[in-house]
Protein backbone atom coordinates (compact mmCIF):
# COMPACT_ATOMS: atom_id res chain seq x y z
CA MET A 1 22.86 23.67 12.49
CA GLY A 2 21.98 20.29 11.00
CA THR A 3 18.34 19.39 11.09
CA LYS A 4 17.23 15.87 11.64
CA LEU A 5 14.49 14.75 9.26
CA LYS A 6 11.80 12.60 10.79
CA ARG A 7 10.29 9.93 8.55
CA THR A 8 6.52 9.92 8.57
CA ILE A 9 4.29 7.26 7.07
CA ARG A 10 0.78 8.16 5.95
CA ARG A 11 -1.57 5.19 5.77
CA HIS A 12 -4.74 5.22 3.68
CA LYS A 13 -7.43 3.11 5.34
CA LEU A 14 -9.43 2.67 2.15
CA GLY A 15 -6.36 1.18 0.46
CA TYR A 16 -5.85 -1.20 3.38
CA ALA A 17 -9.49 -2.30 3.22
CA LEU A 18 -9.34 -2.83 -0.54
CA SER A 19 -6.09 -4.80 -0.32
CA ALA A 20 -7.48 -6.96 2.49
CA THR A 21 -10.60 -7.65 0.42
CA LEU A 22 -8.58 -8.58 -2.66
CA CYS A 23 -6.28 -10.86 -0.65
CA PHE A 24 -9.31 -12.49 0.99
CA ILE A 25 -10.81 -13.22 -2.44
CA GLY A 26 -7.50 -14.69 -3.61
CA VAL A 27 -7.05 -16.90 -0.56
CA THR A 28 -10.67 -18.04 -0.78
CA ALA A 29 -10.21 -19.00 -4.44
CA LEU A 30 -7.08 -21.00 -3.55
CA PHE A 31 -8.95 -22.68 -0.72
CA VAL A 32 -11.79 -23.69 -3.08
CA VAL A 33 -9.29 -25.18 -5.54
CA MET A 34 -7.58 -27.17 -2.79
CA ARG A 35 -10.92 -28.35 -1.40
CA GLU A 36 -12.06 -29.53 -4.83
CA THR A 37 -8.83 -31.32 -5.75
CA TRP A 38 -7.69 -32.73 -2.38
CA PRO A 39 -9.51 -36.11 -2.45
CA GLU A 40 -8.04 -37.09 -5.84
CA VAL A 41 -4.57 -35.62 -5.19
CA ALA A 42 -4.14 -37.20 -1.75
CA SER A 43 -4.89 -40.71 -3.00
CA ASN A 44 -2.72 -40.49 -6.14
CA PRO A 45 0.89 -41.76 -6.05
CA ASN A 46 2.03 -38.81 -8.20
CA PRO A 47 0.24 -35.82 -6.60
CA VAL A 48 1.83 -33.05 -8.69
CA SER A 49 0.77 -34.44 -12.07
CA ALA A 50 -2.65 -35.37 -10.68
CA PHE A 51 -3.13 -31.81 -9.39
CA TRP A 52 -2.02 -30.30 -12.69
CA SER A 53 -4.34 -32.50 -14.74
CA LEU A 54 -7.27 -31.79 -12.40
CA LEU A 55 -6.77 -28.04 -12.81
CA TRP A 56 -7.36 -28.35 -16.56
CA THR A 57 -10.08 -31.03 -16.56
CA LYS A 58 -12.25 -30.65 -13.47
CA GLN A 59 -15.19 -28.23 -13.69
CA PHE A 60 -16.33 -25.97 -10.87
CA SER A 61 -19.88 -24.66 -10.62
CA PRO A 62 -20.38 -21.80 -8.10
CA ILE A 63 -23.85 -21.05 -9.51
CA PRO A 64 -26.05 -23.66 -11.21
CA GLY A 65 -25.67 -23.31 -14.95
CA VAL A 66 -22.27 -21.58 -14.78
CA GLU A 67 -19.23 -23.86 -15.00
CA PHE A 68 -15.56 -23.17 -15.48
CA LYS A 69 -12.26 -24.98 -14.98
CA LEU A 70 -10.31 -24.84 -11.75
CA MET A 71 -7.37 -23.27 -13.57
CA TYR A 72 -9.44 -20.10 -13.96
CA LEU A 73 -9.78 -19.95 -10.18
CA ILE A 74 -5.99 -20.24 -9.85
CA ILE A 75 -5.56 -17.36 -12.32
CA LEU A 76 -8.15 -15.31 -10.40
CA ALA A 77 -6.42 -16.08 -7.10
CA VAL A 78 -2.97 -15.06 -8.35
CA ALA A 79 -4.30 -11.88 -9.96
CA THR A 80 -6.18 -10.78 -6.84
CA LEU A 81 -3.28 -11.59 -4.51
CA ILE A 82 -0.85 -9.58 -6.66
CA SER A 83 -3.36 -6.73 -6.93
CA GLY A 84 -3.95 -6.78 -3.18
CA ALA A 85 -0.23 -6.64 -2.47
CA ALA A 86 0.21 -3.76 -4.94
CA VAL A 87 -2.68 -1.78 -3.45
CA PHE A 88 -1.25 -2.37 0.03
CA ALA A 89 2.20 -1.19 -1.07
CA PHE A 90 0.85 1.94 -2.74
CA SER A 91 -1.53 2.84 0.10
CA ARG A 92 1.42 3.92 2.23
CA GLN A 93 3.25 7.16 1.64
CA GLN A 94 6.56 7.94 3.24
CA PHE A 95 7.80 11.46 3.47
CA SER A 96 10.23 13.30 5.68
CA LEU A 97 9.37 16.20 7.92
CA PRO A 98 11.95 18.43 9.48
CA GLY A 99 12.25 17.66 13.14
CA LYS A 100 13.74 21.00 14.22
CA THR A 101 12.03 24.37 14.20
CA MET A 102 14.01 27.51 13.58
CA ARG A 103 13.46 31.08 14.62
CA PHE A 104 13.13 33.45 11.65
CA GLN A 105 13.29 37.25 11.44
CA CYS A 106 11.58 39.24 8.72
CA PRO A 107 13.90 41.82 7.06
CA PHE A 108 10.96 44.21 6.54
CA CYS A 109 9.05 44.29 9.84
CA LYS A 110 11.89 42.87 12.01
CA LYS A 111 9.50 40.53 13.86
CA TYR A 112 10.31 36.92 14.80
CA TRP A 113 8.40 33.67 14.31
CA ARG A 114 9.10 29.96 14.58
CA ALA A 115 8.76 27.56 11.66
CA SER A 116 10.37 24.45 10.28
CA HIS A 117 13.52 24.86 8.23
CA ASP A 118 12.27 23.55 4.89
CA ARG A 119 12.17 26.44 2.37
CA GLY A 120 14.30 29.33 1.20
CA GLN A 121 11.47 31.78 0.73
CA VAL A 122 8.58 32.11 3.15
CA VAL A 123 5.68 34.47 3.70
CA CYS A 124 6.07 36.52 6.84
CA PRO A 125 3.04 35.87 9.08
CA HIS A 126 3.14 39.48 10.35
CA CYS A 127 3.53 41.66 7.24
CA TYR A 128 2.68 39.04 4.56
CA HIS A 129 5.73 39.73 2.38
CA LEU A 130 7.50 36.95 0.50
CA VAL A 131 10.95 37.15 2.06
CA HIS A 132 14.27 35.41 2.55
CA PRO A 133 14.23 35.52 6.36
CA LYS A 134 17.22 35.57 8.69
CA MET A 135 17.58 32.38 10.72
CA ASP A 136 18.32 32.25 14.45
CA GLU A 137 19.35 29.14 16.43
CA LYS A 138 17.50 30.24 19.61
């Protein structure tokens, strides 16, 4: 009489769209940092220290009059990538549904109905009493 539970995954499309947007912003910010620093880093004999010093010294201006350091873009990129991954992870719900339906009999009206075996008390669909029904394997 063992019932096999079927795992079901519910996906929220809005969560997927938001996570894709956040990841796109993060990847774009990383791409901008690499595009801005690549000429100096590629020609330097010590690329790691050159990259690190450029992150803190080089200014980036997306809009005329607004300037900030490249390190802020790295922080933005990491924050949006982590947020995108978290939104993606939480936009999926896993729950188990019983895979087998049972035949129940109401002790009051003696009528039968089929339902999944997931609760102890159910409402009879015929007489609308809250009952502990008898279970059949048929």
